[in-house]
Protein backbone atom coordinates (compact mmCIF):
# COMPACT_ATOMS: atom_id res chain seq x y z
CA MET A 1 103.34 86.12 124.56
CA PRO A 2 101.76 89.10 123.07
CA THR A 3 99.02 88.53 120.46
CA ILE A 4 99.74 89.61 116.93
CA GLU A 5 97.06 91.77 115.33
CA ASN A 6 96.90 91.26 111.48
CA LYS A 7 94.72 93.50 109.28
CA VAL A 8 93.24 91.03 106.82
CA VAL A 9 90.78 90.98 103.91
CA VAL A 10 89.55 87.65 103.26
CA HIS A 11 88.31 87.02 99.60
CA PHE A 12 86.08 83.89 99.43
CA ARG A 13 85.61 81.83 96.33
CA ASP A 14 82.06 83.01 95.89
CA GLY A 15 83.13 86.63 95.74
CA LYS A 16 82.27 87.67 99.36
CA ILE A 17 84.82 89.75 101.19
CA VAL A 18 85.38 90.11 104.88
CA LYS A 19 87.65 92.88 106.40
CA GLY A 20 88.90 92.87 109.82
CA TYR A 21 91.53 91.75 112.37
CA SER A 22 92.77 88.23 112.72
CA TYR A 23 94.59 86.89 115.85
CA ASP A 24 94.72 83.29 115.14
CA PHE A 25 95.29 82.67 111.43
CA THR A 26 97.92 79.94 110.70
CA PRO A 27 98.42 78.26 107.41
CA ASN A 28 97.77 74.75 108.87
CA LYS A 29 94.52 75.23 110.50
CA ASP A 30 91.12 74.61 108.89
CA THR A 31 89.45 77.74 110.47
CA PHE A 32 90.46 81.00 111.82
CA HIS A 33 88.60 84.06 113.07
CA VAL A 34 88.07 87.67 111.86
CA SER A 35 87.05 90.44 114.14
CA GLN A 36 85.20 93.06 112.18
CA ALA A 37 85.69 95.56 114.95
CA ARG A 38 88.65 96.07 117.21
CA ASP A 39 86.51 95.39 120.22
CA GLU A 40 85.78 91.96 119.00
CA THR A 41 82.18 92.21 119.29
CA GLN A 42 81.54 91.07 115.65
CA ILE A 43 83.57 87.83 115.05
CA VAL A 44 83.38 85.75 112.15
CA GLU A 45 84.64 82.14 111.90
CA VAL A 46 86.21 81.46 108.39
CA SER A 47 86.61 77.94 106.92
CA THR A 48 89.66 78.04 104.84
CA SER A 49 87.78 75.64 102.53
CA LEU A 50 85.69 78.48 101.20
CA VAL A 51 88.52 80.95 100.94
CA LYS A 52 90.39 82.19 97.70
CA ALA A 53 93.20 84.10 99.52
CA VAL A 54 93.78 85.99 102.77
CA PHE A 55 95.24 89.54 102.06
CA PHE A 56 97.20 90.93 104.84
CA VAL A 57 97.05 94.57 104.24
CA LYS A 58 98.42 97.93 105.25
CA SER A 59 94.98 99.63 105.42
CA PHE A 60 91.42 98.60 104.86
CA GLU A 61 90.78 101.44 102.50
CA GLY A 62 93.56 100.50 100.21
CA ASN A 63 95.07 102.70 97.41
CA GLN A 64 92.08 103.26 95.04
CA GLY A 65 94.08 105.17 92.45
CA HIS A 66 97.04 102.53 92.39
CA GLU A 67 97.46 100.67 89.05
CA ASN A 68 98.80 97.30 89.52
CA HIS A 69 102.03 96.73 87.69
CA GLU A 70 103.22 93.47 89.22
CA GLU A 71 104.44 91.91 86.14
CA LEU A 72 106.67 94.89 85.32
CA SER A 73 107.75 95.02 88.95
CA MET A 74 109.19 91.51 88.79
CA GLN A 75 112.06 92.89 86.82
CA ASN A 76 113.17 94.95 89.75
CA PHE A 77 112.18 92.73 92.55
CA LYS A 78 115.08 91.74 94.92
CA PHE A 79 115.12 87.99 95.47
CA ASP A 80 117.23 86.00 97.84
CA GLU A 81 118.53 82.63 97.03
CA ALA A 82 115.72 80.82 98.84
CA SER A 83 113.01 82.71 96.91
CA LEU A 84 111.06 81.67 93.97
CA LYS A 85 109.29 84.04 91.58
CA VAL A 86 105.75 83.09 91.33
CA ARG A 87 102.73 83.92 88.93
CA VAL A 88 99.49 82.73 90.39
CA ASP A 89 96.39 82.42 88.09
CA PHE A 90 93.13 82.17 90.22
CA LEU A 91 90.02 80.44 88.99
CA ASP A 92 88.17 83.76 88.91
CA GLY A 93 90.63 85.20 86.40
CA GLU A 94 92.71 87.34 88.78
CA VAL A 95 96.57 87.07 88.20
CA MET A 96 99.14 87.88 90.89
CA TYR A 97 103.03 88.04 90.62
CA GLY A 98 105.44 87.91 93.47
CA MET A 99 107.83 85.89 95.50
CA THR A 100 107.24 82.77 97.57
CA HIS A 101 109.59 80.84 99.86
CA GLY A 102 107.43 77.78 100.23
CA TYR A 103 105.25 76.73 97.26
CA THR A 104 104.58 73.04 97.37
CA PRO A 105 101.71 71.69 95.13
CA SER A 106 100.59 69.20 97.81
CA ARG A 107 100.13 71.93 100.50
CA LYS A 108 96.79 73.58 100.95
CA GLY A 109 98.15 77.01 100.53
CA PHE A 110 101.25 79.18 100.41
CA PHE A 111 102.33 82.76 101.01
CA VAL A 112 102.98 85.27 98.25
CA PHE A 113 104.97 88.51 98.76
CA PRO A 114 103.69 90.83 96.02
CA ALA A 115 106.18 92.14 93.46
CA ASP A 116 104.65 95.51 93.47
CA LYS A 117 105.85 97.38 96.44
CA ASP A 118 103.29 100.24 96.13
CA THR A 119 100.31 97.74 96.62
CA ASN A 120 98.30 97.59 99.82
CA ASN A 121 99.01 94.01 100.18
CA GLN A 122 102.01 93.14 102.53
CA ARG A 123 101.65 89.40 101.89
CA VAL A 124 98.84 87.01 100.67
CA PHE A 125 98.16 83.62 101.72
CA VAL A 126 96.87 81.70 98.58
CA MET A 127 94.65 78.80 98.87
CA ARG A 128 95.92 76.22 96.26
CA GLU A 129 92.31 74.94 95.36
CA ALA A 130 91.35 78.53 94.37
CA THR A 131 94.10 78.52 91.66
CA ALA A 132 93.89 77.53 87.97
CA ALA A 133 97.74 77.51 87.57
CA VAL A 134 100.76 78.31 89.61
CA LYS A 135 104.11 78.96 87.83
CA THR A 136 107.32 79.29 89.71
CA TRP A 137 110.93 79.95 88.51
CA ARG A 138 114.25 81.32 89.72
């Protein structure tokens, strides 16, 4: 089975950020690894208990000139019947809007697909303990 390479930007609760490639991230594990170089010479083991969110990105550079309009984008976002709209308020004050398929308050985290299609983020795994509030609706 081929290995899936994910470009990730890991935001820690203390403000630290690690960028790299993850080959073993799964929502149920307590740790995963980020290779900061493609040759896997600099590998960081990440404990999910220290993480705010794992951003699966299109590029590491991002789109510096992009203004975030997630709240406005929610009006035009296409939702299927299994989806929930979600607003995530992080403990550090950041707010994220999007869609989720599997928010359950008792789980340690959940995926959010950003409402703003022009963002650099393809999906974000949010650690529940890093949130101040999570609001879902149809």
